[in-house]
């Protein structure tokens, strides 16, 4: 299951995504956490210190490896140099699963141990000095979109992506790649404005969107959110001493999180589980192709010098049934 956390800057989406990641990991489920925000704070929210977070490998730096691996033997793709962020899989492409070992994860993912379970963490990486003034952040996020286009995930395994803030999430087709999108909204006019904008943009793409109210301090805040968001409001989260300790770098054990906030996380998990019944792999593949063709016409063909529309395999539908088998374990020496 693929879950996105979105919201305006400062809404608390990274904090809430890290809590949800911890909640999933505590159940023993396989979890891949991805930091796709221009402000790279998810590693710290999961307990890494500054040197550890800074040492995480940037996915964008390994884009050639990612492309070459995912291309596999797909005859419609002549080489990794003509793959772009929206390139869809086809016959012969290598597909990813959450809980396998592969060269992409070996290069880009690191295991983060939590007090209850563990997760794999991947990050887009921050701007570098060579990026300043010549590159946009969406070129880095493209590595995630490409991986999700080739991911066949099941019901009880999870990819949680902390997205870039505000409406920047719509600069690519990445916003359509999720089974559930949690929009974190404060009970303020600015928080609601981001919700309305997101809902408007997502309306034509059947995006499953639920609002998590954050920093809710009383009945008036709750009434405000209910009036502005309506049935999209799933749950609210208030003050947390556990979160304050975590933000100081001294998190207690996760099982000491306040029960009211643990209940909110359980409600969010229930919403994610329910979304499984609405999965439509044909729609998912169709949207993937839609954005690929748009990007090809807009800039991809010119940049690569190839007709990227020819990469679309009309007979191919990404589906959970295509999940590759895990590599057989190597027998222990006698």
C-alpha atoms as a PDB file:
ATOM      1  CA  UNK A   1       0.000   0.000   0.000  1.00  0.00           C
ATOM      2  CA  UNK A   2       1.305   3.415  -0.965  1.00  0.00           C
ATOM      3  CA  UNK A   3       0.576   6.382   1.309  1.00  0.00           C
ATOM      4  CA  UNK A   4       1.435  10.061   0.831  1.00  0.00           C
ATOM      5  CA  UNK A   5       1.550  12.820   3.424  1.00  0.00           C
ATOM      6  CA  UNK A   6       0.968  16.320   2.049  1.00  0.00           C
ATOM      7  CA  UNK A   7       0.166  19.758   3.464  1.00  0.00           C
ATOM      8  CA  UNK A   8       1.486  23.260   3.734  1.00  0.00           C
ATOM      9  CA  UNK A   9       4.947  23.906   5.102  1.00  0.00           C
ATOM     10  CA  UNK A  10       4.942  23.801   8.892  1.00  0.00           C
ATOM     11  CA  UNK A  11       1.681  21.852   9.135  1.00  0.00           C
ATOM     12  CA  UNK A  12       3.399  18.930  10.824  1.00  0.00           C
ATOM     13  CA  UNK A  13       3.213  16.462   7.931  1.00  0.00           C
ATOM     14  CA  UNK A  14       6.745  15.148   8.485  1.00  0.00           C
ATOM     15  CA  UNK A  15       6.041  14.591  12.175  1.00  0.00           C
ATOM     16  CA  UNK A  16       2.768  12.815  11.436  1.00  0.00           C
ATOM     17  CA  UNK A  17       4.266  10.739   8.639  1.00  0.00           C
ATOM     18  CA  UNK A  18       7.048   9.631  10.993  1.00  0.00           C
ATOM     19  CA  UNK A  19       4.493   8.661  13.656  1.00  0.00           C
ATOM     20  CA  UNK A  20       2.510   6.669  11.118  1.00  0.00           C
ATOM     21  CA  UNK A  21       5.690   4.959   9.905  1.00  0.00           C
ATOM     22  CA  UNK A  22       6.518   4.003  13.494  1.00  0.00           C
ATOM     23  CA  UNK A  23       2.971   2.743  13.993  1.00  0.00           C
ATOM     24  CA  UNK A  24       3.184   0.494  10.919  1.00  0.00           C
ATOM     25  CA  UNK A  25       6.656  -0.772  11.806  1.00  0.00           C
ATOM     26  CA  UNK A  26       5.493  -1.702  15.301  1.00  0.00           C
ATOM     27  CA  UNK A  27       3.052  -4.192  13.733  1.00  0.00           C
ATOM     28  CA  UNK A  28       5.922  -6.003  12.042  1.00  0.00           C
ATOM     29  CA  UNK A  29       4.805  -5.006   8.537  1.00  0.00           C
ATOM     30  CA  UNK A  30       7.446  -4.294   5.862  1.00  0.00           C
ATOM     31  CA  UNK A  31       7.736  -0.501   5.554  1.00  0.00           C
ATOM     32  CA  UNK A  32       9.603   1.679   3.076  1.00  0.00           C
ATOM     33  CA  UNK A  33       9.814   5.327   4.159  1.00  0.00           C
ATOM     34  CA  UNK A  34      10.642   7.955   1.540  1.00  0.00           C
ATOM     35  CA  UNK A  35      11.575  11.591   2.158  1.00  0.00           C
ATOM     36  CA  UNK A  36      10.487  13.518  -0.936  1.00  0.00           C
ATOM     37  CA  UNK A  37      10.346  16.938   0.731  1.00  0.00           C
ATOM     38  CA  UNK A  38      12.732  19.680  -0.298  1.00  0.00           C
ATOM     39  CA  UNK A  39      13.409  20.059   3.433  1.00  0.00           C
ATOM     40  CA  UNK A  40      14.868  16.679   4.351  1.00  0.00           C
ATOM     41  CA  UNK A  41      13.724  16.043   7.932  1.00  0.00           C
ATOM     42  CA  UNK A  42      12.167  12.567   7.881  1.00  0.00           C
ATOM     43  CA  UNK A  43      15.392  10.830   8.890  1.00  0.00           C
ATOM     44  CA  UNK A  44      15.709  13.011  11.973  1.00  0.00           C
ATOM     45  CA  UNK A  45      12.021  12.435  12.797  1.00  0.00           C
ATOM     46  CA  UNK A  46      12.751   8.702  12.723  1.00  0.00           C
ATOM     47  CA  UNK A  47      15.571   9.127  15.217  1.00  0.00           C
ATOM     48  CA  UNK A  48      18.708   9.598  13.117  1.00  0.00           C
ATOM     49  CA  UNK A  49      21.237  12.123  14.349  1.00  0.00           C
ATOM     50  CA  UNK A  50      22.532  14.831  12.000  1.00  0.00           C
ATOM     51  CA  UNK A  51      25.607  12.936  10.720  1.00  0.00           C
ATOM     52  CA  UNK A  52      23.525   9.802  10.085  1.00  0.00           C
ATOM     53  CA  UNK A  53      20.840  11.762   8.235  1.00  0.00           C
ATOM     54  CA  UNK A  54      23.446  13.619   6.171  1.00  0.00           C
ATOM     55  CA  UNK A  55      25.068  10.315   5.171  1.00  0.00           C
ATOM     56  CA  UNK A  56      21.884   8.900   3.606  1.00  0.00           C
ATOM     57  CA  UNK A  57      22.409   8.279  -0.130  1.00  0.00           C
ATOM     58  CA  UNK A  58      20.414  10.579  -2.425  1.00  0.00           C
ATOM     59  CA  UNK A  59      18.210   8.732  -4.926  1.00  0.00           C
ATOM     60  CA  UNK A  60      18.874  11.377  -7.568  1.00  0.00           C
ATOM     61  CA  UNK A  61      22.576  10.577  -7.455  1.00  0.00           C
ATOM     62  CA  UNK A  62      21.805   6.972  -8.422  1.00  0.00           C
ATOM     63  CA  UNK A  63      19.303   7.694 -11.183  1.00  0.00           C
ATOM     64  CA  UNK A  64      21.368   5.979 -13.937  1.00  0.00           C
ATOM     65  CA  UNK A  65      21.549   2.797 -11.850  1.00  0.00           C
ATOM     66  CA  UNK A  66      17.801   2.948 -11.096  1.00  0.00           C
ATOM     67  CA  UNK A  67      16.923   3.375 -14.768  1.00  0.00           C
ATOM     68  CA  UNK A  68      19.248   0.641 -15.972  1.00  0.00           C
ATOM     69  CA  UNK A  69      17.927  -1.854 -13.408  1.00  0.00           C
ATOM     70  CA  UNK A  70      14.238  -1.111 -14.049  1.00  0.00           C
ATOM     71  CA  UNK A  71      14.693  -1.227 -17.832  1.00  0.00           C
ATOM     72  CA  UNK A  72      15.571  -4.904 -17.649  1.00  0.00           C
ATOM     73  CA  UNK A  73      15.025  -6.499 -21.059  1.00  0.00           C
ATOM     74  CA  UNK A  74      12.197  -4.187 -22.126  1.00  0.00           C
ATOM     75  CA  UNK A  75      12.738  -3.994 -25.899  1.00  0.00           C
ATOM     76  CA  UNK A  76      10.718  -0.769 -26.166  1.00  0.00           C
ATOM     77  CA  UNK A  77      13.430   1.102 -24.239  1.00  0.00           C
ATOM     78  CA  UNK A  78      16.731   1.342 -26.086  1.00  0.00           C
ATOM     79  CA  UNK A  79      18.742   2.442 -23.064  1.00  0.00           C
ATOM     80  CA  UNK A  80      18.658   4.113 -19.672  1.00  0.00           C
ATOM     81  CA  UNK A  81      19.464   7.433 -21.353  1.00  0.00           C
ATOM     82  CA  UNK A  82      15.966   7.602 -22.904  1.00  0.00           C
ATOM     83  CA  UNK A  83      14.113   6.831 -19.668  1.00  0.00           C
ATOM     84  CA  UNK A  84      12.443   9.741 -17.883  1.00  0.00           C
ATOM     85  CA  UNK A  85      10.673   9.994 -14.538  1.00  0.00           C
ATOM     86  CA  UNK A  86       7.338   8.857 -16.013  1.00  0.00           C
ATOM     87  CA  UNK A  87       8.587   5.940 -18.111  1.00  0.00           C
ATOM     88  CA  UNK A  88       6.081   3.104 -17.592  1.00  0.00           C
ATOM     89  CA  UNK A  89       7.002  -0.563 -17.281  1.00  0.00           C
ATOM     90  CA  UNK A  90       6.299  -3.048 -20.027  1.00  0.00           C
ATOM     91  CA  UNK A  91       7.113  -6.597 -21.004  1.00  0.00           C
ATOM     92  CA  UNK A  92      10.660  -7.311 -19.804  1.00  0.00           C
ATOM     93  CA  UNK A  93      10.845  -4.468 -17.279  1.00  0.00           C
ATOM     94  CA  UNK A  94      12.105  -5.287 -13.823  1.00  0.00           C
ATOM     95  CA  UNK A  95       9.490  -4.683 -11.128  1.00  0.00           C
ATOM     96  CA  UNK A  96      10.096  -3.833  -7.497  1.00  0.00           C
ATOM     97  CA  UNK A  97       8.528  -5.204  -4.347  1.00  0.00           C
ATOM     98  CA  UNK A  98       8.718  -3.598  -0.919  1.00  0.00           C
ATOM     99  CA  UNK A  99      10.417  -6.377   1.017  1.00  0.00           C
ATOM    100  CA  UNK A 100      12.989  -7.679  -1.466  1.00  0.00           C
ATOM    101  CA  UNK A 101      16.700  -7.044  -1.853  1.00  0.00           C
ATOM    102  CA  UNK A 102      17.794  -5.527  -5.142  1.00  0.00           C
ATOM    103  CA  UNK A 103      20.496  -3.182  -6.493  1.00  0.00           C
ATOM    104  CA  UNK A 104      18.206  -0.131  -6.232  1.00  0.00           C
ATOM    105  CA  UNK A 105      17.606  -0.615  -2.529  1.00  0.00           C
ATOM    106  CA  UNK A 106      21.238  -1.569  -1.959  1.00  0.00           C
ATOM    107  CA  UNK A 107      22.317   1.772  -3.420  1.00  0.00           C
ATOM    108  CA  UNK A 108      19.538   4.039  -2.195  1.00  0.00           C
ATOM    109  CA  UNK A 109      17.949   2.579   0.967  1.00  0.00           C
ATOM    110  CA  UNK A 110      19.219   2.286   4.494  1.00  0.00           C
ATOM    111  CA  UNK A 111      17.667   0.333   7.355  1.00  0.00           C
ATOM    112  CA  UNK A 112      16.638   2.451  10.331  1.00  0.00           C
ATOM    113  CA  UNK A 113      16.110   0.613  13.600  1.00  0.00           C
ATOM    114  CA  UNK A 114      13.242   1.824  15.763  1.00  0.00           C
ATOM    115  CA  UNK A 115      12.411   0.762  19.299  1.00  0.00           C
ATOM    116  CA  UNK A 116       9.525  -1.204  17.780  1.00  0.00           C
ATOM    117  CA  UNK A 117      10.554  -2.701  14.460  1.00  0.00           C
ATOM    118  CA  UNK A 118      12.595  -1.258  11.616  1.00  0.00           C
ATOM    119  CA  UNK A 119      12.050   0.489   8.277  1.00  0.00           C
ATOM    120  CA  UNK A 120      13.926   1.050   5.078  1.00  0.00           C
ATOM    121  CA  UNK A 121      14.479   4.740   4.409  1.00  0.00           C
ATOM    122  CA  UNK A 122      15.150   6.383   1.053  1.00  0.00           C
ATOM    123  CA  UNK A 123      15.624  10.111   0.458  1.00  0.00           C
ATOM    124  CA  UNK A 124      15.594  12.282  -2.637  1.00  0.00           C
ATOM    125  CA  UNK A 125      18.470  14.276  -1.189  1.00  0.00           C
ATOM    126  CA  UNK A 126      18.848  18.018  -0.640  1.00  0.00           C
ATOM    127  CA  UNK A 127      19.919  20.628  -3.143  1.00  0.00           C
ATOM    128  CA  UNK A 128      23.634  20.549  -3.805  1.00  0.00           C
ATOM    129  CA  UNK A 129      25.846  23.471  -4.755  1.00  0.00           C
ATOM    130  CA  UNK A 130      25.771  22.334  -8.388  1.00  0.00           C
ATOM    131  CA  UNK A 131      21.941  22.406  -8.377  1.00  0.00           C
ATOM    132  CA  UNK A 132      21.587  26.015  -7.258  1.00  0.00           C
ATOM    133  CA  UNK A 133      20.245  28.240  -9.987  1.00  0.00           C
ATOM    134  CA  UNK A 134      20.114  25.513 -12.648  1.00  0.00           C
ATOM    135  CA  UNK A 135      17.850  22.707 -11.385  1.00  0.00           C
ATOM    136  CA  UNK A 136      14.396  22.306  -9.898  1.00  0.00           C
ATOM    137  CA  UNK A 137      13.616  19.931  -7.062  1.00  0.00           C
ATOM    138  CA  UNK A 138      11.185  17.934  -9.165  1.00  0.00           C
ATOM    139  CA  UNK A 139      14.097  16.413 -11.068  1.00  0.00           C
ATOM    140  CA  UNK A 140      15.127  14.719  -7.809  1.00  0.00           C
ATOM    141  CA  UNK A 141      11.590  13.574  -6.989  1.00  0.00           C
ATOM    142  CA  UNK A 142      11.478  11.917 -10.408  1.00  0.00           C
ATOM    143  CA  UNK A 143      13.492   8.979  -9.057  1.00  0.00           C
ATOM    144  CA  UNK A 144      10.646   8.191  -6.667  1.00  0.00           C
ATOM    145  CA  UNK A 145       8.002   8.431  -9.378  1.00  0.00           C
ATOM    146  CA  UNK A 146       9.985   6.047 -11.573  1.00  0.00           C
ATOM    147  CA  UNK A 147      10.309   3.534  -8.732  1.00  0.00           C
ATOM    148  CA  UNK A 148       6.610   3.723  -7.847  1.00  0.00           C
ATOM    149  CA  UNK A 149       5.745   3.179 -11.515  1.00  0.00           C
ATOM    150  CA  UNK A 150       7.574  -0.147 -11.268  1.00  0.00           C
ATOM    151  CA  UNK A 151       6.382  -1.174  -7.788  1.00  0.00           C
ATOM    152  CA  UNK A 152       3.955  -4.051  -7.235  1.00  0.00           C
ATOM    153  CA  UNK A 153       2.989  -3.859  -3.590  1.00  0.00           C
ATOM    154  CA  UNK A 154       0.569  -5.950  -1.572  1.00  0.00           C
ATOM    155  CA  UNK A 155      -2.002  -5.377   1.140  1.00  0.00           C
ATOM    156  CA  UNK A 156       0.201  -5.705   4.215  1.00  0.00           C
ATOM    157  CA  UNK A 157       3.330  -3.920   3.037  1.00  0.00           C
ATOM    158  CA  UNK A 158       3.708  -0.174   2.939  1.00  0.00           C
ATOM    159  CA  UNK A 159       5.479   2.695   1.235  1.00  0.00           C
ATOM    160  CA  UNK A 160       5.032   6.010   3.067  1.00  0.00           C
ATOM    161  CA  UNK A 161       6.165   9.165   1.253  1.00  0.00           C
ATOM    162  CA  UNK A 162       6.626  12.522   2.948  1.00  0.00           C
ATOM    163  CA  UNK A 163       5.855  14.781  -0.019  1.00  0.00           C
ATOM    164  CA  UNK A 164       7.045  18.299  -0.777  1.00  0.00           C
ATOM    165  CA  UNK A 165       4.902  21.035   0.742  1.00  0.00           C
ATOM    166  CA  UNK A 166       1.847  22.717  -0.739  1.00  0.00           C
ATOM    167  CA  UNK A 167       0.786  22.465  -4.356  1.00  0.00           C
ATOM    168  CA  UNK A 168       4.324  21.634  -5.541  1.00  0.00           C
ATOM    169  CA  UNK A 169       3.192  18.003  -5.317  1.00  0.00           C
ATOM    170  CA  UNK A 170       1.300  18.567  -8.573  1.00  0.00           C
ATOM    171  CA  UNK A 171       4.389  19.399 -10.630  1.00  0.00           C
ATOM    172  CA  UNK A 172       4.492  15.737 -11.690  1.00  0.00           C
ATOM    173  CA  UNK A 173       2.150  12.765 -11.852  1.00  0.00           C
ATOM    174  CA  UNK A 174       3.503  11.527  -8.530  1.00  0.00           C
ATOM    175  CA  UNK A 175       0.344  12.659  -6.726  1.00  0.00           C
ATOM    176  CA  UNK A 176      -1.647   9.896  -8.498  1.00  0.00           C
ATOM    177  CA  UNK A 177       0.646   7.080  -7.376  1.00  0.00           C
ATOM    178  CA  UNK A 178      -0.930   6.498  -3.944  1.00  0.00           C
ATOM    179  CA  UNK A 179      -3.685   4.371  -2.446  1.00  0.00           C
ATOM    180  CA  UNK A 180      -4.258   6.993   0.243  1.00  0.00           C
ATOM    181  CA  UNK A 181      -3.211  10.623   0.580  1.00  0.00           C
ATOM    182  CA  UNK A 182      -3.312  12.177   4.038  1.00  0.00           C
ATOM    183  CA  UNK A 183      -3.463  15.955   3.912  1.00  0.00           C
ATOM    184  CA  UNK A 184      -2.270  17.422   7.198  1.00  0.00           C
ATOM    185  CA  UNK A 185      -4.152  20.652   7.907  1.00  0.00           C
ATOM    186  CA  UNK A 186      -3.952  23.091  10.765  1.00  0.00           C
ATOM    187  CA  UNK A 187      -7.205  24.792  11.828  1.00  0.00           C
ATOM    188  CA  UNK A 188      -6.251  28.009  10.018  1.00  0.00           C
ATOM    189  CA  UNK A 189      -7.263  29.766   6.796  1.00  0.00           C
ATOM    190  CA  UNK A 190      -3.881  28.927   5.237  1.00  0.00           C
ATOM    191  CA  UNK A 191      -4.198  25.269   6.168  1.00  0.00           C
ATOM    192  CA  UNK A 192      -7.654  25.059   4.637  1.00  0.00           C
ATOM    193  CA  UNK A 193      -6.516  26.914   1.499  1.00  0.00           C
ATOM    194  CA  UNK A 194      -3.980  24.164   0.760  1.00  0.00           C
ATOM    195  CA  UNK A 195      -6.680  21.537   1.287  1.00  0.00           C
ATOM    196  CA  UNK A 196      -9.045  23.214  -1.158  1.00  0.00           C
ATOM    197  CA  UNK A 197      -6.328  23.599  -3.757  1.00  0.00           C
ATOM    198  CA  UNK A 198      -5.242  19.980  -3.409  1.00  0.00           C
ATOM    199  CA  UNK A 199      -8.808  18.680  -3.590  1.00  0.00           C
ATOM    200  CA  UNK A 200      -9.499  20.747  -6.708  1.00  0.00           C
ATOM    201  CA  UNK A 201      -6.372  19.575  -8.517  1.00  0.00           C
ATOM    202  CA  UNK A 202      -6.901  15.928  -7.538  1.00  0.00           C
ATOM    203  CA  UNK A 203     -10.619  15.783  -8.367  1.00  0.00           C
ATOM    204  CA  UNK A 204     -10.173  14.517 -11.933  1.00  0.00           C
ATOM    205  CA  UNK A 205      -7.795  11.716 -10.953  1.00  0.00           C
ATOM    206  CA  UNK A 206      -9.809   9.807  -8.351  1.00  0.00           C
ATOM    207  CA  UNK A 207      -7.259  10.514  -5.613  1.00  0.00           C
ATOM    208  CA  UNK A 208      -8.272   9.082  -2.232  1.00  0.00           C
ATOM    209  CA  UNK A 209      -7.853  12.097   0.060  1.00  0.00           C
ATOM    210  CA  UNK A 210      -8.467  12.299   3.803  1.00  0.00           C
ATOM    211  CA  UNK A 211      -7.645  15.211   6.091  1.00  0.00           C
ATOM    212  CA  UNK A 212      -5.755  14.833   9.354  1.00  0.00           C
ATOM    213  CA  UNK A 213      -6.295  17.892  11.516  1.00  0.00           C
ATOM    214  CA  UNK A 214      -3.132  18.813  13.399  1.00  0.00           C
ATOM    215  CA  UNK A 215      -2.424  21.186  16.292  1.00  0.00           C
ATOM    216  CA  UNK A 216      -6.080  21.053  17.310  1.00  0.00           C
ATOM    217  CA  UNK A 217      -6.372  22.664  20.724  1.00  0.00           C
ATOM    218  CA  UNK A 218     -10.072  22.590  21.525  1.00  0.00           C
ATOM    219  CA  UNK A 219     -13.703  22.387  20.366  1.00  0.00           C
ATOM    220  CA  UNK A 220     -13.482  25.629  18.385  1.00  0.00           C
ATOM    221  CA  UNK A 221     -10.585  24.295  16.290  1.00  0.00           C
ATOM    222  CA  UNK A 222     -12.475  21.054  15.708  1.00  0.00           C
ATOM    223  CA  UNK A 223     -15.663  22.884  14.701  1.00  0.00           C
ATOM    224  CA  UNK A 224     -13.658  25.031  12.280  1.00  0.00           C
ATOM    225  CA  UNK A 225     -12.152  21.992  10.549  1.00  0.00           C
ATOM    226  CA  UNK A 226     -15.473  20.183  10.371  1.00  0.00           C
ATOM    227  CA  UNK A 227     -17.133  23.232   8.818  1.00  0.00           C
ATOM    228  CA  UNK A 228     -14.396  23.735   6.224  1.00  0.00           C
ATOM    229  CA  UNK A 229     -13.459  20.146   5.386  1.00  0.00           C
ATOM    230  CA  UNK A 230     -16.660  18.204   5.981  1.00  0.00           C
ATOM    231  CA  UNK A 231     -16.550  14.434   5.494  1.00  0.00           C
ATOM    232  CA  UNK A 232     -12.941  14.554   4.315  1.00  0.00           C
ATOM    233  CA  UNK A 233     -11.875  15.106   7.943  1.00  0.00           C
ATOM    234  CA  UNK A 234     -10.743  11.705   9.174  1.00  0.00           C
ATOM    235  CA  UNK A 235      -9.183  12.415  12.540  1.00  0.00           C
ATOM    236  CA  UNK A 236      -7.468  15.141  14.557  1.00  0.00           C
ATOM    237  CA  UNK A 237      -4.254  15.260  16.560  1.00  0.00           C
ATOM    238  CA  UNK A 238      -3.568  17.647  19.399  1.00  0.00           C
ATOM    239  CA  UNK A 239      -0.691  18.509  21.704  1.00  0.00           C
ATOM    240  CA  UNK A 240       1.799  15.720  22.370  1.00  0.00           C
ATOM    241  CA  UNK A 241       4.526  15.696  24.986  1.00  0.00           C
ATOM    242  CA  UNK A 242       5.941  12.640  23.200  1.00  0.00           C
ATOM    243  CA  UNK A 243       6.354  14.656  20.001  1.00  0.00           C
ATOM    244  CA  UNK A 244       7.955  17.544  21.905  1.00  0.00           C
ATOM    245  CA  UNK A 245      10.519  15.135  23.342  1.00  0.00           C
ATOM    246  CA  UNK A 246      11.109  13.606  19.897  1.00  0.00           C
ATOM    247  CA  UNK A 247      11.720  17.034  18.369  1.00  0.00           C
ATOM    248  CA  UNK A 248      14.350  17.666  21.050  1.00  0.00           C
ATOM    249  CA  UNK A 249      16.099  14.449  20.005  1.00  0.00           C
ATOM    250  CA  UNK A 250      15.018  12.554  23.123  1.00  0.00           C
ATOM    251  CA  UNK A 251      12.015  10.433  22.079  1.00  0.00           C
ATOM    252  CA  UNK A 252      10.563   8.062  24.672  1.00  0.00           C
ATOM    253  CA  UNK A 253       9.643   4.537  23.617  1.00  0.00           C
ATOM    254  CA  UNK A 254       6.944   4.638  20.981  1.00  0.00           C
ATOM    255  CA  UNK A 255       4.542   2.643  23.147  1.00  0.00           C
ATOM    256  CA  UNK A 256       4.519   5.655  25.496  1.00  0.00           C
ATOM    257  CA  UNK A 257       2.831   7.866  22.872  1.00  0.00           C
ATOM    258  CA  UNK A 258      -0.413   9.260  24.271  1.00  0.00           C
ATOM    259  CA  UNK A 259      -3.368   6.900  23.806  1.00  0.00           C
ATOM    260  CA  UNK A 260      -5.481   9.548  22.071  1.00  0.00           C
ATOM    261  CA  UNK A 261      -2.780   9.934  19.424  1.00  0.00           C
ATOM    262  CA  UNK A 262      -2.257   6.184  19.152  1.00  0.00           C
ATOM    263  CA  UNK A 263      -5.992   5.899  18.494  1.00  0.00           C
ATOM    264  CA  UNK A 264      -5.659   8.492  15.708  1.00  0.00           C
ATOM    265  CA  UNK A 265      -2.920   6.404  14.088  1.00  0.00           C
ATOM    266  CA  UNK A 266      -5.109   3.298  14.292  1.00  0.00           C
ATOM    267  CA  UNK A 267      -7.918   5.177  12.544  1.00  0.00           C
ATOM    268  CA  UNK A 268      -5.512   6.214   9.786  1.00  0.00           C
ATOM    269  CA  UNK A 269      -4.369   2.601   9.359  1.00  0.00           C
ATOM    270  CA  UNK A 270      -8.003   1.510   9.071  1.00  0.00           C
ATOM    271  CA  UNK A 271      -8.546   4.080   6.299  1.00  0.00           C
ATOM    272  CA  UNK A 272      -5.491   2.757   4.451  1.00  0.00           C
ATOM    273  CA  UNK A 273      -6.652  -0.846   4.805  1.00  0.00           C
ATOM    274  CA  UNK A 274     -10.105   0.074   3.476  1.00  0.00           C
ATOM    275  CA  UNK A 275      -8.548   1.693   0.411  1.00  0.00           C
ATOM    276  CA  UNK A 276      -7.217  -1.696  -0.688  1.00  0.00           C
ATOM    277  CA  UNK A 277     -10.705  -2.710  -1.787  1.00  0.00           C
ATOM    278  CA  UNK A 278     -10.793   0.247  -4.201  1.00  0.00           C
ATOM    279  CA  UNK A 279      -7.528  -0.593  -5.931  1.00  0.00           C
ATOM    280  CA  UNK A 280      -7.772  -0.392  -9.711  1.00  0.00           C
ATOM    281  CA  UNK A 281      -4.538  -1.381 -11.405  1.00  0.00           C
ATOM    282  CA  UNK A 282      -5.928  -0.582 -14.862  1.00  0.00           C
ATOM    283  CA  UNK A 283      -6.689   2.992 -13.832  1.00  0.00           C
ATOM    284  CA  UNK A 284      -3.301   3.199 -12.159  1.00  0.00           C
ATOM    285  CA  UNK A 285      -1.557   2.071 -15.364  1.00  0.00           C
ATOM    286  CA  UNK A 286      -3.722   4.369 -17.493  1.00  0.00           C
ATOM    287  CA  UNK A 287      -2.793   7.406 -15.384  1.00  0.00           C
ATOM    288  CA  UNK A 288       0.863   6.410 -15.536  1.00  0.00           C
ATOM    289  CA  UNK A 289       0.715   6.368 -19.324  1.00  0.00           C
ATOM    290  CA  UNK A 290      -1.266   9.646 -19.407  1.00  0.00           C
ATOM    291  CA  UNK A 291       1.460  11.553 -17.569  1.00  0.00           C
ATOM    292  CA  UNK A 292       4.207   9.863 -19.529  1.00  0.00           C
ATOM    293  CA  UNK A 293       2.709  11.002 -22.823  1.00  0.00           C
ATOM    294  CA  UNK A 294       2.245  14.535 -21.465  1.00  0.00           C
ATOM    295  CA  UNK A 295       5.859  14.710 -20.338  1.00  0.00           C
ATOM    296  CA  UNK A 296       7.083  13.198 -23.594  1.00  0.00           C
ATOM    297  CA  UNK A 297       5.327  15.829 -25.658  1.00  0.00           C
ATOM    298  CA  UNK A 298       6.162  18.702 -23.336  1.00  0.00           C
ATOM    299  CA  UNK A 299       9.907  18.134 -22.927  1.00  0.00           C
ATOM    300  CA  UNK A 300      10.913  14.472 -22.916  1.00  0.00           C
ATOM    301  CA  UNK A 301      11.125  13.857 -26.664  1.00  0.00           C
ATOM    302  CA  UNK A 302      13.233  16.951 -27.185  1.00  0.00           C
ATOM    303  CA  UNK A 303      15.548  16.184 -24.270  1.00  0.00           C
ATOM    304  CA  UNK A 304      16.179  12.539 -25.181  1.00  0.00           C
ATOM    305  CA  UNK A 305      15.922  12.800 -28.957  1.00  0.00           C
ATOM    306  CA  UNK A 306      13.567   9.815 -28.976  1.00  0.00           C
ATOM    307  CA  UNK A 307       9.863   9.211 -29.460  1.00  0.00           C
ATOM    308  CA  UNK A 308       8.974   8.354 -25.874  1.00  0.00           C
ATOM    309  CA  UNK A 309       5.399   7.460 -26.780  1.00  0.00           C
ATOM    310  CA  UNK A 310       6.869   4.296 -28.307  1.00  0.00           C
ATOM    311  CA  UNK A 311       7.875   3.185 -24.793  1.00  0.00           C
ATOM    312  CA  UNK A 312       4.222   2.514 -23.919  1.00  0.00           C
ATOM    313  CA  UNK A 313       3.356  -1.183 -24.032  1.00  0.00           C
ATOM    314  CA  UNK A 314      -0.404  -1.164 -24.798  1.00  0.00           C
ATOM    315  CA  UNK A 315      -0.878  -4.755 -23.616  1.00  0.00           C
ATOM    316  CA  UNK A 316       0.848  -4.264 -20.256  1.00  0.00           C
ATOM    317  CA  UNK A 317      -1.113  -3.635 -17.035  1.00  0.00           C
ATOM    318  CA  UNK A 318       0.788  -3.308 -13.779  1.00  0.00           C
ATOM    319  CA  UNK A 319      -0.798  -5.655 -11.270  1.00  0.00           C
ATOM    320  CA  UNK A 320      -0.110  -7.227  -7.908  1.00  0.00           C
ATOM    321  CA  UNK A 321      -0.095 -10.648  -9.571  1.00  0.00           C
ATOM    322  CA  UNK A 322       3.148  -9.653 -11.302  1.00  0.00           C
ATOM    323  CA  UNK A 323       5.083  -9.450  -8.034  1.00  0.00           C
ATOM    324  CA  UNK A 324       8.489 -11.015  -8.613  1.00  0.00           C
ATOM    325  CA  UNK A 325       9.479 -13.946  -6.490  1.00  0.00           C
ATOM    326  CA  UNK A 326      11.937 -13.275  -3.709  1.00  0.00           C
ATOM    327  CA  UNK A 327      15.417 -14.582  -4.500  1.00  0.00           C
ATOM    328  CA  UNK A 328      15.993 -18.010  -3.025  1.00  0.00           C
ATOM    329  CA  UNK A 329      18.028 -18.025   0.173  1.00  0.00           C
ATOM    330  CA  UNK A 330      21.638 -19.149  -0.209  1.00  0.00           C
ATOM    331  CA  UNK A 331      22.093 -22.490   1.606  1.00  0.00           C
ATOM    332  CA  UNK A 332      24.388 -22.378   4.601  1.00  0.00           C
ATOM    333  CA  UNK A 333      27.694 -24.200   4.103  1.00  0.00           C
ATOM    334  CA  UNK A 334      27.760 -27.764   5.412  1.00  0.00           C
END
